[in-house]
């Protein structure tokens, strides 16, 4: 009788520990998803260079003189 009571307490405790661990893993994300990194808030990511001055050479080919 006494051993059965101890066993039931142990199983209840172990189930409680397992369930609380699962809930804690679900609730606490490893890192926040919606907020961007604070470095990107101060400095936005660099834009790719785009051409400012398009020119034709003497054979009629289009090329870029100034990248900005």
PDB file of N, CA and C in Angstrom:
ATOM      1  N   UNK A   1       0.834  -1.206   0.000  1.00  0.00           N
ATOM      2  CA  UNK A   1       0.000   0.000   0.000  1.00  0.00           C
ATOM      3  C   UNK A   1       0.872   1.260   0.000  1.00  0.00           C
ATOM      4  N   UNK A   2       1.851   1.266   0.912  1.00  0.00           N
ATOM      5  CA  UNK A   2       2.716   2.444   1.048  1.00  0.00           C
ATOM      6  C   UNK A   2       3.559   2.647  -0.214  1.00  0.00           C
ATOM      7  N   UNK A   3       4.035   1.534  -0.808  1.00  0.00           N
ATOM      8  CA  UNK A   3       4.870   1.624  -2.014  1.00  0.00           C
ATOM      9  C   UNK A   3       4.035   2.114  -3.198  1.00  0.00           C
ATOM     10  N   UNK A   4       2.780   1.677  -3.270  1.00  0.00           N
ATOM     11  CA  UNK A   4       1.911   2.134  -4.364  1.00  0.00           C
ATOM     12  C   UNK A   4       1.675   3.641  -4.267  1.00  0.00           C
ATOM     13  N   UNK A   5       1.510   4.155  -3.050  1.00  0.00           N
ATOM     14  CA  UNK A   5       1.294   5.588  -2.863  1.00  0.00           C
ATOM     15  C   UNK A   5       2.530   6.372  -3.320  1.00  0.00           C
ATOM     16  N   UNK A   6       3.713   5.896  -2.940  1.00  0.00           N
ATOM     17  CA  UNK A   6       4.956   6.565  -3.346  1.00  0.00           C
ATOM     18  C   UNK A   6       5.100   6.519  -4.869  1.00  0.00           C
ATOM     19  N   UNK A   7       4.763   5.375  -5.476  1.00  0.00           N
ATOM     20  CA  UNK A   7       4.877   5.244  -6.923  1.00  0.00           C
ATOM     21  C   UNK A   7       3.912   6.207  -7.628  1.00  0.00           C
ATOM     22  N   UNK A   8       2.703   6.341  -7.116  1.00  0.00           N
ATOM     23  CA  UNK A   8       1.748   7.252  -7.757  1.00  0.00           C
ATOM     24  C   UNK A   8       2.215   8.700  -7.624  1.00  0.00           C
ATOM     25  N   UNK A   9       2.780   9.064  -6.470  1.00  0.00           N
ATOM     26  CA  UNK A   9       3.323  10.408  -6.308  1.00  0.00           C
ATOM     27  C   UNK A   9       4.467  10.663  -7.288  1.00  0.00           C
ATOM     28  N   UNK A  10       5.342   9.660  -7.424  1.00  0.00           N
ATOM     29  CA  UNK A  10       6.486   9.822  -8.331  1.00  0.00           C
ATOM     30  C   UNK A  10       6.028   9.968  -9.777  1.00  0.00           C
ATOM     31  N   UNK A  11       5.038   9.161 -10.196  1.00  0.00           N
ATOM     32  CA  UNK A  11       4.569   9.280 -11.585  1.00  0.00           C
ATOM     33  C   UNK A  11       3.887  10.627 -11.810  1.00  0.00           C
ATOM     34  N   UNK A  12       3.119  11.105 -10.837  1.00  0.00           N
ATOM     35  CA  UNK A  12       2.462  12.403 -10.979  1.00  0.00           C
ATOM     36  C   UNK A  12       3.511  13.516 -11.077  1.00  0.00           C
ATOM     37  N   UNK A  13       4.541  13.424 -10.242  1.00  0.00           N
ATOM     38  CA  UNK A  13       5.594  14.442 -10.256  1.00  0.00           C
ATOM     39  C   UNK A  13       6.357  14.432 -11.574  1.00  0.00           C
ATOM     40  N   UNK A  14       6.662  13.231 -12.076  1.00  0.00           N
ATOM     41  CA  UNK A  14       7.409  13.151 -13.331  1.00  0.00           C
ATOM     42  C   UNK A  14       6.565  13.669 -14.500  1.00  0.00           C
ATOM     43  N   UNK A  15       5.269  13.347 -14.511  1.00  0.00           N
ATOM     44  CA  UNK A  15       4.395  13.872 -15.564  1.00  0.00           C
ATOM     45  C   UNK A  15       4.317  15.393 -15.502  1.00  0.00           C
ATOM     46  N   UNK A  16       4.224  15.912 -14.276  1.00  0.00           N
ATOM     47  CA  UNK A  16       4.172  17.370 -14.124  1.00  0.00           C
ATOM     48  C   UNK A  16       5.455  18.020 -14.631  1.00  0.00           C
ATOM     49  N   UNK A  17       6.585  17.429 -14.319  1.00  0.00           N
ATOM     50  CA  UNK A  17       7.861  17.975 -14.787  1.00  0.00           C
ATOM     51  C   UNK A  17       7.947  17.942 -16.315  1.00  0.00           C
ATOM     52  N   UNK A  18       7.539  16.831 -16.913  1.00  0.00           N
ATOM     53  CA  UNK A  18       7.607  16.694 -18.368  1.00  0.00           C
ATOM     54  C   UNK A  18       6.705  17.723 -19.037  1.00  0.00           C
ATOM     55  N   UNK A  19       5.458  17.858 -18.527  1.00  0.00           N
ATOM     56  CA  UNK A  19       4.520  18.798 -19.139  1.00  0.00           C
ATOM     57  C   UNK A  19       4.977  20.247 -18.967  1.00  0.00           C
ATOM     58  N   UNK A  20       5.522  20.584 -17.791  1.00  0.00           N
ATOM     59  CA  UNK A  20       5.981  21.957 -17.589  1.00  0.00           C
ATOM     60  C   UNK A  20       7.169  22.262 -18.490  1.00  0.00           C
ATOM     61  N   UNK A  21       8.030  21.265 -18.708  1.00  0.00           N
ATOM     62  CA  UNK A  21       9.153  21.466 -19.630  1.00  0.00           C
ATOM     63  C   UNK A  21       8.678  21.696 -21.046  1.00  0.00           C
ATOM     64  N   UNK A  22       7.661  20.955 -21.486  1.00  0.00           N
ATOM     65  CA  UNK A  22       7.129  21.143 -22.838  1.00  0.00           C
ATOM     66  C   UNK A  22       6.503  22.519 -22.989  1.00  0.00           C
ATOM     67  N   UNK A  23       5.715  22.946 -21.980  1.00  0.00           N
ATOM     68  CA  UNK A  23       5.086  24.263 -22.073  1.00  0.00           C
ATOM     69  C   UNK A  23       6.131  25.370 -22.067  1.00  0.00           C
ATOM     70  N   UNK A  24       7.181  25.202 -21.256  1.00  0.00           N
ATOM     71  CA  UNK A  24       8.223  26.227 -21.219  1.00  0.00           C
ATOM     72  C   UNK A  24       8.940  26.300 -22.558  1.00  0.00           C
ATOM     73  N   UNK A  25       9.151  25.163 -23.210  1.00  0.00           N
ATOM     74  CA  UNK A  25       9.819  25.167 -24.512  1.00  0.00           C
ATOM     75  C   UNK A  25       8.942  25.806 -25.581  1.00  0.00           C
ATOM     76  N   UNK A  26       7.623  25.617 -25.469  1.00  0.00           N
ATOM     77  CA  UNK A  26       6.718  26.212 -26.460  1.00  0.00           C
ATOM     78  C   UNK A  26       6.607  27.715 -26.252  1.00  0.00           C
ATOM     79  N   UNK A  27       6.487  28.132 -24.982  1.00  0.00           N
ATOM     80  CA  UNK A  27       6.245  29.550 -24.699  1.00  0.00           C
ATOM     81  C   UNK A  27       7.500  30.371 -24.968  1.00  0.00           C
ATOM     82  N   UNK A  28       8.649  29.921 -24.491  1.00  0.00           N
ATOM     83  CA  UNK A  28       9.864  30.725 -24.642  1.00  0.00           C
ATOM     84  C   UNK A  28      10.509  30.388 -25.979  1.00  0.00           C
ATOM     85  N   UNK A  29      10.455  31.330 -26.933  1.00  0.00           N
ATOM     86  CA  UNK A  29      11.107  31.117 -28.223  1.00  0.00           C
ATOM     87  C   UNK A  29      12.601  31.351 -28.055  1.00  0.00           C
ATOM     88  N   UNK A  30      13.415  30.733 -28.896  1.00  0.00           N
ATOM     89  CA  UNK A  30      14.858  30.947 -28.760  1.00  0.00           C
ATOM     90  C   UNK A  30      15.283  32.385 -29.036  1.00  0.00           C
ATOM     91  N   UNK A  31      14.624  33.073 -29.979  1.00  0.00           N
ATOM     92  CA  UNK A  31      14.896  34.489 -30.216  1.00  0.00           C
ATOM     93  C   UNK A  31      13.635  35.116 -30.798  1.00  0.00           C
ATOM     94  N   UNK A  32      13.403  36.405 -30.528  1.00  0.00           N
ATOM     95  CA  UNK A  32      12.183  37.043 -31.042  1.00  0.00           C
ATOM     96  C   UNK A  32      12.198  37.144 -32.554  1.00  0.00           C
ATOM     97  N   UNK A  33      11.050  36.902 -33.169  1.00  0.00           N
ATOM     98  CA  UNK A  33      10.973  36.830 -34.624  1.00  0.00           C
ATOM     99  C   UNK A  33      10.601  38.193 -35.210  1.00  0.00           C
ATOM    100  N   UNK A  34       9.628  38.896 -34.605  1.00  0.00           N
ATOM    101  CA  UNK A  34       9.074  40.089 -35.231  1.00  0.00           C
ATOM    102  C   UNK A  34      10.030  41.278 -35.178  1.00  0.00           C
ATOM    103  N   UNK A  35      10.834  41.391 -34.120  1.00  0.00           N
ATOM    104  CA  UNK A  35      11.680  42.572 -33.972  1.00  0.00           C
ATOM    105  C   UNK A  35      12.965  42.426 -34.772  1.00  0.00           C
ATOM    106  N   UNK A  36      13.350  43.409 -35.566  1.00  0.00           N
ATOM    107  CA  UNK A  36      14.633  43.307 -36.271  1.00  0.00           C
ATOM    108  C   UNK A  36      15.807  43.533 -35.327  1.00  0.00           C
ATOM    109  N   UNK A  37      16.976  43.213 -35.789  1.00  0.00           N
ATOM    110  CA  UNK A  37      18.188  43.393 -34.988  1.00  0.00           C
ATOM    111  C   UNK A  37      18.411  44.886 -34.754  1.00  0.00           C
ATOM    112  N   UNK A  38      18.835  45.300 -33.555  1.00  0.00           N
ATOM    113  CA  UNK A  38      19.001  46.739 -33.299  1.00  0.00           C
ATOM    114  C   UNK A  38      20.040  47.415 -34.195  1.00  0.00           C
ATOM    115  N   UNK A  39      21.019  46.648 -34.682  1.00  0.00           N
ATOM    116  CA  UNK A  39      22.011  47.231 -35.587  1.00  0.00           C
ATOM    117  C   UNK A  39      21.339  47.685 -36.875  1.00  0.00           C
ATOM    118  N   UNK A  40      20.378  46.896 -37.374  1.00  0.00           N
ATOM    119  CA  UNK A  40      19.703  47.269 -38.611  1.00  0.00           C
ATOM    120  C   UNK A  40      18.771  48.456 -38.399  1.00  0.00           C
ATOM    121  N   UNK A  41      18.309  48.690 -37.170  1.00  0.00           N
ATOM    122  CA  UNK A  41      17.485  49.866 -36.942  1.00  0.00           C
ATOM    123  C   UNK A  41      18.336  51.131 -37.049  1.00  0.00           C
ATOM    124  N   UNK A  42      19.579  51.076 -36.547  1.00  0.00           N
ATOM    125  CA  UNK A  42      20.448  52.253 -36.646  1.00  0.00           C
ATOM    126  C   UNK A  42      21.005  52.408 -38.051  1.00  0.00           C
ATOM    127  N   UNK A  43      21.512  51.314 -38.636  1.00  0.00           N
ATOM    128  CA  UNK A  43      22.069  51.343 -39.987  1.00  0.00           C
ATOM    129  C   UNK A  43      21.256  50.393 -40.855  1.00  0.00           C
ATOM    130  N   UNK A  44      20.505  50.894 -41.805  1.00  0.00           N
ATOM    131  CA  UNK A  44      19.763  49.977 -42.694  1.00  0.00           C
ATOM    132  C   UNK A  44      20.711  49.164 -43.563  1.00  0.00           C
ATOM    133  N   UNK A  45      20.309  47.982 -44.011  1.00  0.00           N
ATOM    134  CA  UNK A  45      21.210  47.160 -44.813  1.00  0.00           C
ATOM    135  C   UNK A  45      21.571  47.867 -46.124  1.00  0.00           C
ATOM    136  N   UNK A  46      22.790  47.683 -46.619  1.00  0.00           N
ATOM    137  CA  UNK A  46      23.249  48.450 -47.783  1.00  0.00           C
ATOM    138  C   UNK A  46      22.486  48.092 -49.048  1.00  0.00           C
ATOM    139  N   UNK A  47      22.186  49.110 -49.846  1.00  0.00           N
ATOM    140  CA  UNK A  47      21.472  48.885 -51.097  1.00  0.00           C
ATOM    141  C   UNK A  47      22.465  48.452 -52.171  1.00  0.00           C
ATOM    142  N   UNK A  48      22.042  47.662 -53.139  1.00  0.00           N
ATOM    143  CA  UNK A  48      22.932  47.326 -54.247  1.00  0.00           C
ATOM    144  C   UNK A  48      23.195  48.568 -55.099  1.00  0.00           C
ATOM    145  N   UNK A  49      24.378  48.689 -55.706  1.00  0.00           N
ATOM    146  CA  UNK A  49      24.679  49.891 -56.495  1.00  0.00           C
ATOM    147  C   UNK A  49      23.823  49.966 -57.751  1.00  0.00           C
ATOM    148  N   UNK A  50      23.381  51.181 -58.075  1.00  0.00           N
ATOM    149  CA  UNK A  50      22.618  51.362 -59.303  1.00  0.00           C
ATOM    150  C   UNK A  50      23.290  52.417 -60.173  1.00  0.00           C
ATOM    151  N   UNK A  51      23.049  52.298 -61.436  1.00  0.00           N
ATOM    152  CA  UNK A  51      23.731  53.162 -62.380  1.00  0.00           C
ATOM    153  C   UNK A  51      23.066  54.528 -62.428  1.00  0.00           C
ATOM    154  N   UNK A  52      23.892  55.576 -62.530  1.00  0.00           N
ATOM    155  CA  UNK A  52      23.388  56.936 -62.635  1.00  0.00           C
ATOM    156  C   UNK A  52      23.543  57.444 -64.065  1.00  0.00           C
ATOM    157  N   UNK A  53      24.705  57.268 -64.678  1.00  0.00           N
ATOM    158  CA  UNK A  53      24.930  57.826 -66.008  1.00  0.00           C
ATOM    159  C   UNK A  53      25.069  56.743 -67.061  1.00  0.00           C
ATOM    160  N   UNK A  54      24.010  56.495 -67.813  1.00  0.00           N
ATOM    161  CA  UNK A  54      24.101  55.539 -68.925  1.00  0.00           C
ATOM    162  C   UNK A  54      24.631  56.271 -70.156  1.00  0.00           C
ATOM    163  N   UNK A  55      25.593  55.642 -70.868  1.00  0.00           N
ATOM    164  CA  UNK A  55      26.173  56.251 -72.071  1.00  0.00           C
ATOM    165  C   UNK A  55      26.294  55.214 -73.178  1.00  0.00           C
ATOM    166  N   UNK A  56      26.344  55.683 -74.396  1.00  0.00           N
ATOM    167  CA  UNK A  56      26.611  54.818 -75.547  1.00  0.00           C
ATOM    168  C   UNK A  56      28.044  55.027 -75.985  1.00  0.00           C
ATOM    169  N   UNK A  57      28.759  53.913 -76.247  1.00  0.00           N
ATOM    170  CA  UNK A  57      30.097  54.083 -76.825  1.00  0.00           C
ATOM    171  C   UNK A  57      29.970  54.224 -78.346  1.00  0.00           C
ATOM    172  N   UNK A  58      31.139  54.308 -79.024  1.00  0.00           N
ATOM    173  CA  UNK A  58      31.067  54.632 -80.464  1.00  0.00           C
ATOM    174  C   UNK A  58      30.535  53.498 -81.311  1.00  0.00           C
ATOM    175  N   UNK A  59      30.405  52.280 -80.736  1.00  0.00           N
ATOM    176  CA  UNK A  59      29.804  51.167 -81.490  1.00  0.00           C
ATOM    177  C   UNK A  59      28.333  50.969 -81.138  1.00  0.00           C
ATOM    178  N   UNK A  60      27.787  51.870 -80.352  1.00  0.00           N
ATOM    179  CA  UNK A  60      26.361  51.794 -80.040  1.00  0.00           C
ATOM    180  C   UNK A  60      26.005  50.900 -78.877  1.00  0.00           C
ATOM    181  N   UNK A  61      27.018  50.477 -78.088  1.00  0.00           N
ATOM    182  CA  UNK A  61      26.728  49.643 -76.915  1.00  0.00           C
ATOM    183  C   UNK A  61      26.459  50.524 -75.697  1.00  0.00           C
ATOM    184  N   UNK A  62      25.454  50.150 -74.909  1.00  0.00           N
ATOM    185  CA  UNK A  62      25.088  50.919 -73.713  1.00  0.00           C
ATOM    186  C   UNK A  62      25.978  50.482 -72.555  1.00  0.00           C
ATOM    187  N   UNK A  63      26.556  51.462 -71.847  1.00  0.00           N
ATOM    188  CA  UNK A  63      27.364  51.132 -70.671  1.00  0.00           C
ATOM    189  C   UNK A  63      27.131  52.193 -69.602  1.00  0.00           C
ATOM    190  N   UNK A  64      27.599  51.884 -68.386  1.00  0.00           N
ATOM    191  CA  UNK A  64      27.365  52.771 -67.248  1.00  0.00           C
ATOM    192  C   UNK A  64      28.634  53.535 -66.931  1.00  0.00           C
ATOM    193  N   UNK A  65      28.510  54.844 -66.739  1.00  0.00           N
ATOM    194  CA  UNK A  65      29.676  55.642 -66.365  1.00  0.00           C
ATOM    195  C   UNK A  65      29.778  55.810 -64.848  1.00  0.00           C
ATOM    196  N   UNK A  66      28.678  56.035 -64.170  1.00  0.00           N
ATOM    197  CA  UNK A  66      28.724  56.318 -62.730  1.00  0.00           C
ATOM    198  C   UNK A  66      27.822  55.334 -61.989  1.00  0.00           C
ATOM    199  N   UNK A  67      28.400  54.613 -61.037  1.00  0.00           N
ATOM    200  CA  UNK A  67      27.628  53.734 -60.149  1.00  0.00           C
ATOM    201  C   UNK A  67      27.434  54.464 -58.825  1.00  0.00           C
ATOM    202  N   UNK A  68      26.195  54.443 -58.310  1.00  0.00           N
ATOM    203  CA  UNK A  68      25.957  55.070 -57.022  1.00  0.00           C
ATOM    204  C   UNK A  68      24.990  54.220 -56.212  1.00  0.00           C
TER     205      UNK A  68
END
